[in-house]
């Protein structure tokens, strides 16, 4: 059987928003008090693709299972665009981003080649403190479908990433699933605060999060913008 991994409902090439995890890494994370492990949910599509008049089987990404506390398992269907936006993408694979303008019209596909994600926590703001998620991305234009200025494309890409990340955070908050490692960050960098919140029964996912995204185009000279 010939198989190809893709993500449904996304234009252009795509990779799962939740990375694969080795058995060794899963076992190590399974016993960590503060870590939430996301396992990709893969399904088989038997109808969408054909070759030579015959249907082909393709594997596609359809969300993630979240496992935390050694025994609690929750399903976060289609909770994509989570840790991929928060960690370096690496140089081996590009993350393809669909870019839409302010009216929601599809205008381009970016291939994000490098990215940096950083979480910070300020205990002085609010009752339980506040997180800030900062995402910096460098990307090249993979496809350009509508004429637009470089600054417009960057702004639309930033808006898209921000909205997807906020949607994922809202999903995690509603299901009490830590999708981007908030509790792990507290546990490692603010252990006293982590113990205090755990003792009080405070859900870390309920702590407010500010999201800041910066996208830079690296190859605009190849396209007439």
N, C-alpha and C. Protein backbone atom coordinates (compact mmCIF):
# COMPACT_ATOMS: atom_id res chain seq x y z
N UNK A 1 0.84 -1.20 0.00
CA UNK A 1 0.00 0.00 0.00
C UNK A 1 0.88 1.24 0.00
N UNK A 2 0.63 2.13 -0.94
CA UNK A 2 1.37 3.39 -1.01
C UNK A 2 0.68 4.40 -0.12
N UNK A 3 1.43 5.01 0.78
CA UNK A 3 0.84 5.97 1.71
C UNK A 3 1.57 7.29 1.67
N UNK A 4 0.84 8.34 2.01
CA UNK A 4 1.43 9.68 2.06
C UNK A 4 0.74 10.42 3.20
N UNK A 5 1.54 11.07 4.04
CA UNK A 5 0.99 11.76 5.20
C UNK A 5 0.66 13.21 4.83
N UNK A 6 -0.58 13.62 5.06
CA UNK A 6 -0.96 14.99 4.79
C UNK A 6 -2.00 15.43 5.80
N UNK A 7 -2.30 16.73 5.81
CA UNK A 7 -3.29 17.28 6.72
C UNK A 7 -4.50 17.73 5.92
N UNK A 8 -5.66 17.27 6.28
CA UNK A 8 -6.88 17.63 5.57
C UNK A 8 -7.23 19.10 5.76
N UNK A 9 -7.95 19.64 4.74
CA UNK A 9 -8.50 20.99 4.81
C UNK A 9 -7.42 22.06 4.86
N UNK A 10 -6.23 21.77 4.39
CA UNK A 10 -5.16 22.77 4.33
C UNK A 10 -4.63 22.81 2.91
N UNK A 11 -4.54 24.00 2.31
CA UNK A 11 -4.02 24.11 0.94
C UNK A 11 -2.52 23.85 0.93
N UNK A 12 -2.05 23.21 -0.13
CA UNK A 12 -0.62 23.02 -0.29
C UNK A 12 -0.10 21.92 0.61
N UNK A 13 1.21 21.61 0.48
CA UNK A 13 1.82 20.58 1.31
C UNK A 13 1.70 20.94 2.78
N UNK A 14 1.60 19.94 3.62
CA UNK A 14 1.46 20.20 5.05
C UNK A 14 2.08 19.08 5.86
N UNK A 15 2.41 19.38 7.09
CA UNK A 15 2.92 18.38 8.02
C UNK A 15 2.07 18.47 9.27
N UNK A 16 2.00 17.38 10.07
CA UNK A 16 1.19 17.42 11.28
C UNK A 16 1.62 18.54 12.21
N UNK A 17 0.64 19.20 12.84
CA UNK A 17 0.96 20.26 13.79
C UNK A 17 1.49 19.70 15.10
N UNK A 18 1.27 18.41 15.33
CA UNK A 18 1.80 17.74 16.52
C UNK A 18 2.86 16.76 16.06
N UNK A 19 4.06 16.91 16.56
CA UNK A 19 5.16 16.08 16.11
C UNK A 19 5.06 14.65 16.65
N UNK A 20 5.61 13.72 15.89
CA UNK A 20 5.70 12.33 16.35
C UNK A 20 6.60 12.27 17.58
N UNK A 21 6.37 11.28 18.44
CA UNK A 21 7.17 11.12 19.64
C UNK A 21 7.63 9.67 19.73
N UNK A 22 8.90 9.46 20.06
CA UNK A 22 9.42 8.11 20.18
C UNK A 22 8.90 7.46 21.46
N UNK A 23 8.94 6.15 21.53
CA UNK A 23 8.49 5.44 22.72
C UNK A 23 9.33 5.82 23.92
N UNK A 24 10.62 5.97 23.73
CA UNK A 24 11.52 6.35 24.83
C UNK A 24 11.14 7.72 25.38
N UNK A 25 10.89 8.69 24.49
CA UNK A 25 10.51 10.03 24.92
C UNK A 25 9.15 10.01 25.60
N UNK A 26 8.23 9.20 25.08
CA UNK A 26 6.89 9.12 25.67
C UNK A 26 6.95 8.59 27.10
N UNK A 27 7.72 7.54 27.31
CA UNK A 27 7.84 6.97 28.65
C UNK A 27 8.46 7.97 29.62
N UNK A 28 9.47 8.70 29.15
CA UNK A 28 10.11 9.71 30.01
C UNK A 28 9.12 10.81 30.38
N UNK A 29 8.36 11.29 29.40
CA UNK A 29 7.40 12.36 29.65
C UNK A 29 6.22 11.88 30.48
N UNK A 30 5.88 10.61 30.34
CA UNK A 30 4.72 10.04 31.02
C UNK A 30 4.82 10.16 32.54
N UNK A 31 6.05 10.08 33.05
CA UNK A 31 6.26 10.10 34.49
C UNK A 31 6.64 11.49 35.03
N UNK A 32 6.67 12.50 34.17
CA UNK A 32 6.94 13.85 34.63
C UNK A 32 5.64 14.47 35.15
N UNK A 33 5.71 15.10 36.31
CA UNK A 33 4.53 15.63 36.98
C UNK A 33 3.83 16.72 36.20
N UNK A 34 4.61 17.51 35.47
CA UNK A 34 4.03 18.71 34.86
C UNK A 34 3.86 18.62 33.35
N UNK A 35 4.23 17.49 32.76
CA UNK A 35 4.30 17.43 31.29
C UNK A 35 3.02 16.85 30.70
N UNK A 36 2.56 17.48 29.62
CA UNK A 36 1.45 16.97 28.83
C UNK A 36 2.00 16.47 27.50
N UNK A 37 1.77 15.20 27.20
CA UNK A 37 2.27 14.61 25.97
C UNK A 37 1.15 14.58 24.94
N UNK A 38 1.43 15.10 23.75
CA UNK A 38 0.46 15.08 22.66
C UNK A 38 0.84 14.00 21.66
N UNK A 39 -0.07 13.08 21.42
CA UNK A 39 0.14 12.01 20.45
C UNK A 39 -0.72 12.28 19.22
N UNK A 40 -0.13 12.33 18.03
CA UNK A 40 -0.91 12.60 16.81
C UNK A 40 -1.97 11.53 16.58
N UNK A 41 -3.13 11.96 16.13
CA UNK A 41 -4.19 11.05 15.72
C UNK A 41 -4.14 10.93 14.20
N UNK A 42 -3.89 9.73 13.71
CA UNK A 42 -3.79 9.49 12.27
C UNK A 42 -4.98 8.66 11.80
N UNK A 43 -5.52 9.04 10.64
CA UNK A 43 -6.63 8.30 10.06
C UNK A 43 -6.33 7.99 8.61
N UNK A 44 -7.11 7.06 8.05
CA UNK A 44 -6.89 6.61 6.69
C UNK A 44 -7.99 7.14 5.78
N UNK A 45 -7.59 7.85 4.73
CA UNK A 45 -8.53 8.39 3.74
C UNK A 45 -8.51 7.46 2.52
N UNK A 46 -9.66 6.84 2.23
CA UNK A 46 -9.74 5.87 1.13
C UNK A 46 -10.47 6.42 -0.09
N UNK A 47 -10.92 7.70 -0.03
CA UNK A 47 -11.79 8.19 -1.10
C UNK A 47 -11.30 9.44 -1.82
N UNK A 48 -10.45 10.24 -1.19
CA UNK A 48 -10.12 11.56 -1.75
C UNK A 48 -9.14 11.52 -2.92
N UNK A 49 -8.31 10.49 -3.00
CA UNK A 49 -7.26 10.46 -4.02
C UNK A 49 -7.40 9.21 -4.90
N UNK A 50 -7.13 9.41 -6.19
CA UNK A 50 -7.17 8.30 -7.14
C UNK A 50 -5.95 8.35 -8.04
N UNK A 51 -5.53 7.17 -8.49
CA UNK A 51 -4.40 7.06 -9.42
C UNK A 51 -4.73 5.95 -10.41
N UNK A 52 -4.73 6.32 -11.70
CA UNK A 52 -5.07 5.34 -12.71
C UNK A 52 -6.49 4.83 -12.57
N UNK A 53 -7.38 5.71 -12.07
CA UNK A 53 -8.77 5.31 -11.92
C UNK A 53 -9.06 4.50 -10.67
N UNK A 54 -8.02 4.21 -9.89
CA UNK A 54 -8.20 3.42 -8.68
C UNK A 54 -7.96 4.28 -7.44
N UNK A 55 -8.73 4.02 -6.41
CA UNK A 55 -8.59 4.77 -5.16
C UNK A 55 -7.27 4.43 -4.48
N UNK A 56 -6.66 5.47 -3.87
CA UNK A 56 -5.42 5.31 -3.13
C UNK A 56 -5.67 5.60 -1.65
N UNK A 57 -4.98 4.86 -0.81
CA UNK A 57 -5.10 5.07 0.63
C UNK A 57 -4.04 6.06 1.11
N UNK A 58 -4.49 7.09 1.81
CA UNK A 58 -3.57 8.10 2.33
C UNK A 58 -3.81 8.29 3.82
N UNK A 59 -2.73 8.45 4.55
CA UNK A 59 -2.83 8.71 5.98
C UNK A 59 -2.89 10.22 6.19
N UNK A 60 -3.80 10.68 7.05
CA UNK A 60 -3.87 12.11 7.33
C UNK A 60 -3.95 12.38 8.82
N UNK A 61 -3.50 13.59 9.20
CA UNK A 61 -3.49 14.02 10.58
C UNK A 61 -4.86 14.57 10.96
N UNK A 62 -5.43 14.11 12.09
CA UNK A 62 -6.79 14.50 12.45
C UNK A 62 -6.90 14.92 13.91
N UNK A 63 -5.85 15.52 14.46
CA UNK A 63 -5.92 15.98 15.84
C UNK A 63 -4.88 15.33 16.73
N UNK A 64 -5.14 15.33 18.02
CA UNK A 64 -4.16 14.80 18.96
C UNK A 64 -4.83 14.30 20.23
N UNK A 65 -4.21 13.29 20.84
CA UNK A 65 -4.60 12.83 22.16
C UNK A 65 -3.63 13.46 23.17
N UNK A 66 -4.18 14.01 24.23
CA UNK A 66 -3.34 14.60 25.28
C UNK A 66 -3.32 13.65 26.47
N UNK A 67 -2.12 13.31 26.93
CA UNK A 67 -1.94 12.41 28.06
C UNK A 67 -1.17 13.14 29.14
N UNK A 68 -1.73 13.18 30.34
CA UNK A 68 -1.12 13.92 31.43
C UNK A 68 -1.39 13.20 32.74
N UNK A 69 -0.47 13.30 33.68
CA UNK A 69 -0.66 12.72 35.00
C UNK A 69 -0.67 11.21 35.02
N UNK A 70 -0.04 10.56 34.06
CA UNK A 70 0.12 9.12 33.98
C UNK A 70 -1.16 8.34 33.70
N UNK A 71 -2.29 8.86 34.05
CA UNK A 71 -3.53 8.09 33.90
C UNK A 71 -4.65 8.83 33.19
N UNK A 72 -4.52 10.13 33.05
CA UNK A 72 -5.59 10.91 32.44
C UNK A 72 -5.31 11.10 30.96
N UNK A 73 -6.22 10.70 30.12
CA UNK A 73 -6.08 10.85 28.68
C UNK A 73 -7.28 11.58 28.12
N UNK A 74 -7.06 12.62 27.37
CA UNK A 74 -8.14 13.39 26.77
C UNK A 74 -7.89 13.52 25.28
N UNK A 75 -8.94 13.69 24.54
CA UNK A 75 -8.82 13.84 23.10
C UNK A 75 -8.96 15.29 22.71
N UNK A 76 -7.98 15.83 22.03
CA UNK A 76 -8.03 17.21 21.54
C UNK A 76 -8.10 17.16 20.02
N UNK A 77 -9.27 16.88 19.48
CA UNK A 77 -9.42 16.74 18.03
C UNK A 77 -9.14 18.05 17.32
N UNK A 78 -8.31 17.93 16.30
CA UNK A 78 -7.95 19.08 15.47
C UNK A 78 -7.38 20.24 16.28
N UNK A 79 -6.77 19.92 17.43
CA UNK A 79 -6.11 20.98 18.21
C UNK A 79 -4.74 21.23 17.61
N UNK A 80 -4.73 21.64 16.38
CA UNK A 80 -3.48 21.86 15.66
C UNK A 80 -2.93 23.24 15.97
N UNK A 81 -1.75 23.54 15.39
CA UNK A 81 -1.14 24.86 15.53
C UNK A 81 -0.91 25.19 17.01
N UNK A 82 -0.32 24.25 17.71
CA UNK A 82 -0.06 24.47 19.13
C UNK A 82 1.43 24.59 19.35
N UNK A 83 2.09 23.50 19.66
CA UNK A 83 3.51 23.58 19.95
C UNK A 83 4.34 23.93 18.73
N UNK A 84 3.84 23.65 17.53
CA UNK A 84 4.58 24.03 16.33
C UNK A 84 4.80 25.53 16.25
N UNK A 85 3.84 26.29 16.80
CA UNK A 85 4.01 27.73 16.81
C UNK A 85 4.88 28.20 17.97
N UNK A 86 5.16 27.32 18.92
CA UNK A 86 5.86 27.72 20.12
C UNK A 86 7.32 27.26 20.17
N UNK A 87 7.71 26.40 19.23
CA UNK A 87 9.07 25.87 19.26
C UNK A 87 9.72 26.08 17.90
N UNK A 88 11.06 26.04 17.84
CA UNK A 88 11.73 26.15 16.53
C UNK A 88 11.26 25.06 15.59
N UNK A 89 10.97 25.42 14.35
CA UNK A 89 10.49 24.44 13.40
C UNK A 89 11.61 23.51 12.93
N UNK A 90 12.84 23.99 13.00
CA UNK A 90 13.95 23.19 12.52
C UNK A 90 14.18 23.41 11.03
N UNK A 91 15.29 22.93 10.53
CA UNK A 91 15.66 23.18 9.13
C UNK A 91 15.31 22.03 8.20
N UNK A 92 14.94 20.86 8.75
CA UNK A 92 14.69 19.70 7.89
C UNK A 92 13.32 19.75 7.24
N UNK A 93 12.34 20.32 7.93
CA UNK A 93 10.99 20.38 7.39
C UNK A 93 10.46 21.81 7.48
N UNK A 94 9.74 22.22 6.45
CA UNK A 94 9.11 23.53 6.47
C UNK A 94 7.65 23.37 6.85
N UNK A 95 7.15 24.28 7.65
CA UNK A 95 5.75 24.28 8.01
C UNK A 95 5.01 25.21 7.07
N UNK A 96 4.04 24.68 6.35
CA UNK A 96 3.33 25.48 5.36
C UNK A 96 2.15 26.18 6.02
N UNK A 97 2.07 27.50 5.81
CA UNK A 97 1.05 28.33 6.43
C UNK A 97 0.15 28.95 5.37
N UNK A 98 -1.14 28.79 5.53
CA UNK A 98 -2.09 29.41 4.63
C UNK A 98 -2.30 30.86 5.05
N UNK A 99 -2.16 31.78 4.11
CA UNK A 99 -2.29 33.22 4.41
C UNK A 99 -3.58 33.75 3.80
N UNK A 100 -4.40 34.39 4.63
CA UNK A 100 -5.65 35.01 4.18
C UNK A 100 -5.65 36.49 4.55
N UNK A 101 -6.32 37.29 3.72
CA UNK A 101 -6.36 38.72 4.00
C UNK A 101 -7.42 39.04 5.05
N UNK A 102 -7.66 40.31 5.31
CA UNK A 102 -8.60 40.71 6.36
C UNK A 102 -10.04 40.30 6.06
N UNK A 103 -10.35 40.07 4.77
CA UNK A 103 -11.69 39.64 4.38
C UNK A 103 -11.82 38.12 4.37
N UNK A 104 -10.73 37.44 4.71
CA UNK A 104 -10.76 35.98 4.74
C UNK A 104 -10.45 35.31 3.42
N UNK A 105 -10.04 36.10 2.40
CA UNK A 105 -9.73 35.54 1.09
C UNK A 105 -8.33 34.95 1.07
N UNK A 106 -8.20 33.75 0.51
CA UNK A 106 -6.91 33.07 0.41
C UNK A 106 -5.99 33.81 -0.56
N UNK A 107 -4.78 34.19 -0.12
CA UNK A 107 -3.89 34.98 -0.97
C UNK A 107 -2.53 34.32 -1.19
N UNK A 108 -2.07 33.48 -0.28
CA UNK A 108 -0.72 32.94 -0.43
C UNK A 108 -0.49 31.75 0.50
N UNK A 109 0.58 31.03 0.22
CA UNK A 109 1.07 29.99 1.12
C UNK A 109 2.51 30.33 1.48
N UNK A 110 2.81 30.40 2.76
CA UNK A 110 4.16 30.61 3.26
C UNK A 110 4.76 29.27 3.68
N UNK A 111 6.06 29.13 3.47
CA UNK A 111 6.79 27.99 4.02
C UNK A 111 7.70 28.53 5.12
N UNK A 112 7.35 28.25 6.35
CA UNK A 112 8.12 28.74 7.49
C UNK A 112 9.32 27.83 7.72
N UNK A 113 10.51 28.35 7.47
CA UNK A 113 11.73 27.54 7.56
C UNK A 113 12.38 27.59 8.94
N UNK A 114 12.25 28.72 9.61
CA UNK A 114 12.80 28.82 10.97
C UNK A 114 11.79 29.54 11.85
N UNK A 115 11.81 29.21 13.11
CA UNK A 115 10.90 29.85 14.03
C UNK A 115 11.38 29.72 15.46
N UNK A 116 11.04 30.68 16.26
CA UNK A 116 11.40 30.65 17.68
C UNK A 116 10.15 30.94 18.51
N UNK A 117 9.94 30.12 19.53
CA UNK A 117 8.82 30.32 20.42
C UNK A 117 9.32 30.46 21.86
N UNK A 118 8.76 31.40 22.58
CA UNK A 118 9.22 31.62 23.96
C UNK A 118 8.02 31.89 24.87
N UNK A 119 8.01 31.24 26.01
CA UNK A 119 7.00 31.47 27.03
C UNK A 119 7.63 32.20 28.21
N UNK A 120 6.97 33.22 28.71
CA UNK A 120 7.41 33.90 29.93
C UNK A 120 6.22 34.03 30.86
N UNK A 121 6.52 34.12 32.16
CA UNK A 121 5.46 34.21 33.17
C UNK A 121 5.76 35.38 34.10
N UNK A 122 4.74 36.21 34.33
CA UNK A 122 4.87 37.37 35.21
C UNK A 122 3.92 37.18 36.38
N UNK A 123 4.44 36.88 37.54
CA UNK A 123 3.61 36.61 38.71
C UNK A 123 3.01 37.88 39.31
N UNK A 124 3.47 39.05 38.86
CA UNK A 124 3.00 40.31 39.44
C UNK A 124 1.69 40.79 38.82
N UNK A 125 1.31 40.22 37.69
CA UNK A 125 0.10 40.66 37.00
C UNK A 125 -1.06 39.70 37.28
N UNK A 126 -2.19 40.25 37.68
CA UNK A 126 -3.37 39.44 37.90
C UNK A 126 -3.31 38.62 39.18
N UNK A 127 -4.38 37.93 39.46
CA UNK A 127 -4.47 37.12 40.67
C UNK A 127 -3.45 35.98 40.67
N UNK A 128 -3.36 35.27 39.55
CA UNK A 128 -2.47 34.11 39.45
C UNK A 128 -1.31 34.34 38.49
N UNK A 129 -1.07 35.61 38.13
CA UNK A 129 -0.01 35.91 37.18
C UNK A 129 -0.52 35.87 35.75
N UNK A 130 0.40 36.10 34.81
CA UNK A 130 0.06 36.13 33.39
C UNK A 130 1.20 35.53 32.56
N UNK A 131 0.85 34.74 31.57
CA UNK A 131 1.83 34.22 30.61
C UNK A 131 1.90 35.13 29.40
N UNK A 132 3.05 35.09 28.73
CA UNK A 132 3.19 35.74 27.43
C UNK A 132 3.87 34.78 26.48
N UNK A 133 3.23 34.56 25.34
CA UNK A 133 3.77 33.69 24.31
C UNK A 133 4.27 34.54 23.16
N UNK A 134 5.57 34.45 22.85
CA UNK A 134 6.17 35.23 21.76
C UNK A 134 6.63 34.27 20.67
N UNK A 135 6.14 34.48 19.46
CA UNK A 135 6.46 33.62 18.33
C UNK A 135 7.10 34.45 17.23
N UNK A 136 8.30 34.05 16.79
CA UNK A 136 9.00 34.74 15.69
C UNK A 136 9.24 33.73 14.57
N UNK A 137 8.83 34.09 13.36
CA UNK A 137 8.90 33.17 12.23
C UNK A 137 9.56 33.83 11.03
N UNK A 138 10.43 33.09 10.34
CA UNK A 138 10.97 33.50 9.05
C UNK A 138 10.43 32.53 8.01
N UNK A 139 9.92 33.08 6.89
CA UNK A 139 9.28 32.23 5.90
C UNK A 139 9.53 32.76 4.50
N UNK A 140 9.42 31.88 3.52
CA UNK A 140 9.46 32.32 2.13
C UNK A 140 8.09 32.07 1.50
N UNK A 141 7.82 32.78 0.41
CA UNK A 141 6.53 32.67 -0.25
C UNK A 141 6.54 31.43 -1.16
N UNK A 142 5.77 30.44 -0.79
CA UNK A 142 5.70 29.20 -1.56
C UNK A 142 4.76 29.35 -2.76
N UNK A 143 3.62 29.99 -2.53
CA UNK A 143 2.67 30.31 -3.59
C UNK A 143 2.09 31.69 -3.35
N UNK A 144 1.92 32.46 -4.42
CA UNK A 144 1.30 33.78 -4.32
C UNK A 144 0.12 33.82 -5.28
N UNK A 145 -1.09 33.94 -4.74
CA UNK A 145 -2.31 33.87 -5.55
C UNK A 145 -2.95 35.24 -5.78
N UNK A 146 -2.61 36.21 -4.96
CA UNK A 146 -3.16 37.56 -5.12
C UNK A 146 -2.05 38.57 -4.90
N UNK A 147 -2.07 39.64 -5.69
CA UNK A 147 -1.06 40.68 -5.55
C UNK A 147 -1.22 41.39 -4.21
N UNK A 148 -0.12 41.54 -3.48
CA UNK A 148 -0.16 42.19 -2.17
C UNK A 148 1.24 42.67 -1.81
N UNK A 149 1.29 43.68 -0.97
CA UNK A 149 2.58 44.19 -0.51
C UNK A 149 3.15 43.26 0.56
N UNK A 150 4.48 43.27 0.67
CA UNK A 150 5.16 42.39 1.62
C UNK A 150 4.66 42.61 3.05
N UNK A 151 4.51 43.87 3.45
CA UNK A 151 4.05 44.17 4.81
C UNK A 151 2.64 43.65 5.05
N UNK A 152 1.80 43.68 4.02
CA UNK A 152 0.45 43.15 4.15
C UNK A 152 0.48 41.64 4.35
N UNK A 153 1.29 40.96 3.56
CA UNK A 153 1.39 39.50 3.68
C UNK A 153 1.89 39.10 5.06
N UNK A 154 2.89 39.81 5.55
CA UNK A 154 3.42 39.51 6.88
C UNK A 154 2.37 39.72 7.95
N UNK A 155 1.63 40.83 7.84
CA UNK A 155 0.60 41.13 8.84
C UNK A 155 -0.51 40.08 8.81
N UNK A 156 -0.91 39.66 7.62
CA UNK A 156 -1.96 38.64 7.51
C UNK A 156 -1.48 37.30 8.06
N UNK A 157 -0.22 36.96 7.78
CA UNK A 157 0.33 35.71 8.31
C UNK A 157 0.39 35.75 9.84
N UNK A 158 0.80 36.88 10.38
CA UNK A 158 0.85 37.04 11.84
C UNK A 158 -0.54 36.88 12.44
N UNK A 159 -1.52 37.50 11.81
CA UNK A 159 -2.90 37.41 12.30
C UNK A 159 -3.39 35.97 12.27
N UNK A 160 -3.07 35.25 11.19
CA UNK A 160 -3.50 33.85 11.08
C UNK A 160 -2.89 32.97 12.15
N UNK A 161 -1.59 33.10 12.38
CA UNK A 161 -0.92 32.30 13.41
C UNK A 161 -1.48 32.64 14.78
N UNK A 162 -1.66 33.93 15.03
CA UNK A 162 -2.18 34.38 16.34
C UNK A 162 -3.57 33.80 16.60
N UNK A 163 -4.43 33.86 15.58
CA UNK A 163 -5.80 33.36 15.75
C UNK A 163 -5.81 31.85 15.98
N UNK A 164 -4.98 31.12 15.23
CA UNK A 164 -4.94 29.67 15.40
C UNK A 164 -4.42 29.28 16.78
N UNK A 165 -3.40 30.00 17.22
CA UNK A 165 -2.84 29.71 18.53
C UNK A 165 -3.86 30.03 19.62
N UNK A 166 -4.56 31.14 19.49
CA UNK A 166 -5.58 31.52 20.47
C UNK A 166 -6.74 30.52 20.47
N UNK A 167 -7.11 30.00 19.29
CA UNK A 167 -8.15 28.99 19.21
C UNK A 167 -7.72 27.71 19.93
N UNK A 168 -6.46 27.32 19.73
CA UNK A 168 -5.95 26.13 20.40
C UNK A 168 -5.91 26.33 21.91
N UNK A 169 -5.52 27.52 22.35
CA UNK A 169 -5.48 27.81 23.78
C UNK A 169 -6.88 27.78 24.37
N UNK A 170 -7.86 28.28 23.62
CA UNK A 170 -9.25 28.24 24.08
C UNK A 170 -9.75 26.81 24.19
N UNK A 171 -9.37 25.98 23.21
CA UNK A 171 -9.74 24.56 23.25
C UNK A 171 -9.13 23.89 24.48
N UNK A 172 -7.84 24.16 24.72
CA UNK A 172 -7.17 23.59 25.88
C UNK A 172 -7.78 24.06 27.18
N UNK A 173 -8.16 25.34 27.23
CA UNK A 173 -8.76 25.90 28.44
C UNK A 173 -10.11 25.23 28.72
N UNK A 174 -10.91 25.04 27.67
CA UNK A 174 -12.24 24.44 27.83
C UNK A 174 -12.15 22.99 28.28
N UNK A 175 -11.09 22.28 27.82
CA UNK A 175 -10.96 20.86 28.15
C UNK A 175 -9.92 20.59 29.23
N UNK A 176 -9.36 21.69 29.76
CA UNK A 176 -8.35 21.58 30.80
C UNK A 176 -7.14 20.77 30.32
N UNK A 177 -6.72 21.07 29.09
CA UNK A 177 -5.56 20.41 28.50
C UNK A 177 -4.48 21.46 28.23
N UNK A 178 -3.28 21.22 28.72
CA UNK A 178 -2.17 22.15 28.54
C UNK A 178 -1.49 21.84 27.21
N UNK A 179 -1.88 22.58 26.16
CA UNK A 179 -1.41 22.27 24.81
C UNK A 179 -0.04 22.83 24.47
N UNK A 180 0.46 23.83 25.20
CA UNK A 180 1.74 24.43 24.82
C UNK A 180 2.77 24.41 25.95
N UNK A 181 2.54 23.63 26.98
CA UNK A 181 3.56 23.46 28.01
C UNK A 181 3.60 24.56 29.05
N UNK A 182 2.46 25.14 29.39
CA UNK A 182 2.42 26.20 30.41
C UNK A 182 2.86 25.66 31.77
N UNK A 183 2.29 24.53 32.17
CA UNK A 183 2.61 23.98 33.48
C UNK A 183 4.06 23.53 33.56
N UNK A 184 4.57 22.99 32.48
CA UNK A 184 5.96 22.56 32.45
C UNK A 184 6.89 23.75 32.62
N UNK A 185 6.53 24.89 32.00
CA UNK A 185 7.33 26.11 32.14
C UNK A 185 7.31 26.61 33.58
N UNK A 186 6.15 26.57 34.21
CA UNK A 186 6.06 26.98 35.62
C UNK A 186 6.87 26.05 36.51
N UNK A 187 6.73 24.76 36.28
CA UNK A 187 7.39 23.76 37.11
C UNK A 187 8.91 23.91 37.08
N UNK A 188 9.45 24.25 35.90
CA UNK A 188 10.90 24.32 35.75
C UNK A 188 11.48 25.69 36.12
N UNK A 189 10.72 26.76 35.90
CA UNK A 189 11.27 28.10 36.12
C UNK A 189 10.67 28.84 37.32
N UNK A 190 9.49 28.39 37.76
CA UNK A 190 8.85 29.02 38.92
C UNK A 190 8.27 27.94 39.82
N UNK A 191 9.11 27.08 40.37
CA UNK A 191 8.62 25.92 41.14
C UNK A 191 7.76 26.30 42.34
N UNK A 192 8.11 27.39 43.04
CA UNK A 192 7.33 27.80 44.21
C UNK A 192 5.91 28.19 43.80
N UNK A 193 5.80 28.92 42.68
CA UNK A 193 4.49 29.32 42.18
C UNK A 193 3.70 28.10 41.72
N UNK A 194 4.38 27.17 41.07
CA UNK A 194 3.72 25.94 40.60
C UNK A 194 3.13 25.17 41.78
N UNK A 195 3.90 25.01 42.85
CA UNK A 195 3.41 24.30 44.04
C UNK A 195 2.22 25.01 44.66
N UNK A 196 2.29 26.34 44.70
CA UNK A 196 1.22 27.13 45.29
C UNK A 196 -0.08 26.97 44.50
N UNK A 197 0.02 27.04 43.17
CA UNK A 197 -1.16 26.90 42.32
C UNK A 197 -1.74 25.49 42.39
N UNK A 198 -0.87 24.48 42.43
CA UNK A 198 -1.34 23.10 42.52
C UNK A 198 -2.06 22.87 43.84
N UNK A 199 -1.51 23.42 44.92
CA UNK A 199 -2.12 23.27 46.24
C UNK A 199 -3.48 23.94 46.30
N UNK A 200 -3.62 25.08 45.62
CA UNK A 200 -4.88 25.81 45.60
C UNK A 200 -5.88 25.22 44.61
N UNK A 201 -5.44 24.25 43.81
CA UNK A 201 -6.32 23.65 42.83
C UNK A 201 -6.56 24.52 41.61
N UNK A 202 -5.66 25.46 41.35
CA UNK A 202 -5.81 26.38 40.22
C UNK A 202 -5.40 25.69 38.92
N UNK A 203 -6.24 25.80 37.90
CA UNK A 203 -5.91 25.25 36.59
C UNK A 203 -4.95 26.20 35.88
N UNK A 204 -3.78 25.70 35.52
CA UNK A 204 -2.79 26.54 34.84
C UNK A 204 -3.33 27.05 33.50
N UNK A 205 -4.15 26.25 32.84
CA UNK A 205 -4.70 26.65 31.54
C UNK A 205 -5.65 27.84 31.66
N UNK A 206 -6.11 28.14 32.88
CA UNK A 206 -7.03 29.27 33.09
C UNK A 206 -6.30 30.59 33.27
N UNK A 207 -4.97 30.54 33.42
CA UNK A 207 -4.19 31.76 33.59
C UNK A 207 -4.16 32.53 32.26
N UNK A 208 -4.39 33.84 32.26
CA UNK A 208 -4.40 34.63 31.02
C UNK A 208 -3.08 34.52 30.25
N UNK A 209 -3.18 34.55 28.92
CA UNK A 209 -2.01 34.45 28.05
C UNK A 209 -2.06 35.54 26.99
N UNK A 210 -1.01 36.37 26.91
CA UNK A 210 -0.87 37.34 25.83
C UNK A 210 -0.06 36.70 24.71
N UNK A 211 -0.51 36.87 23.47
CA UNK A 211 0.16 36.25 22.32
C UNK A 211 0.73 37.33 21.42
N UNK A 212 2.03 37.23 21.11
CA UNK A 212 2.71 38.18 20.23
C UNK A 212 3.38 37.40 19.10
N UNK A 213 3.06 37.73 17.85
CA UNK A 213 3.60 37.00 16.69
C UNK A 213 4.30 37.95 15.75
N UNK A 214 5.48 37.55 15.26
CA UNK A 214 6.23 38.34 14.29
C UNK A 214 6.66 37.44 13.14
N UNK A 215 6.28 37.80 11.92
CA UNK A 215 6.61 37.03 10.72
C UNK A 215 7.41 37.90 9.76
N UNK A 216 8.51 37.38 9.26
CA UNK A 216 9.36 38.08 8.30
C UNK A 216 9.49 37.25 7.01
N UNK A 217 9.21 37.89 5.88
CA UNK A 217 9.39 37.23 4.57
C UNK A 217 10.84 37.34 4.16
N UNK A 218 11.43 36.24 3.69
CA UNK A 218 12.85 36.23 3.37
C UNK A 218 13.14 36.22 1.88
N UNK A 219 12.13 36.10 1.01
CA UNK A 219 12.42 35.97 -0.42
C UNK A 219 11.49 36.78 -1.30
N UNK A 220 11.06 37.94 -0.85
CA UNK A 220 10.08 38.70 -1.64
C UNK A 220 10.59 39.08 -3.02
N UNK A 221 11.90 39.09 -3.21
CA UNK A 221 12.46 39.47 -4.50
C UNK A 221 12.12 38.51 -5.62
N UNK A 222 11.71 37.28 -5.27
CA UNK A 222 11.37 36.28 -6.29
C UNK A 222 9.94 36.44 -6.80
N UNK A 223 9.16 37.29 -6.15
CA UNK A 223 7.78 37.48 -6.56
C UNK A 223 7.53 38.97 -6.79
N UNK A 224 6.66 39.26 -7.70
CA UNK A 224 6.25 40.65 -7.93
C UNK A 224 5.11 40.97 -6.98
N UNK A 225 5.42 41.70 -5.92
CA UNK A 225 4.41 42.00 -4.89
C UNK A 225 3.72 43.33 -5.21
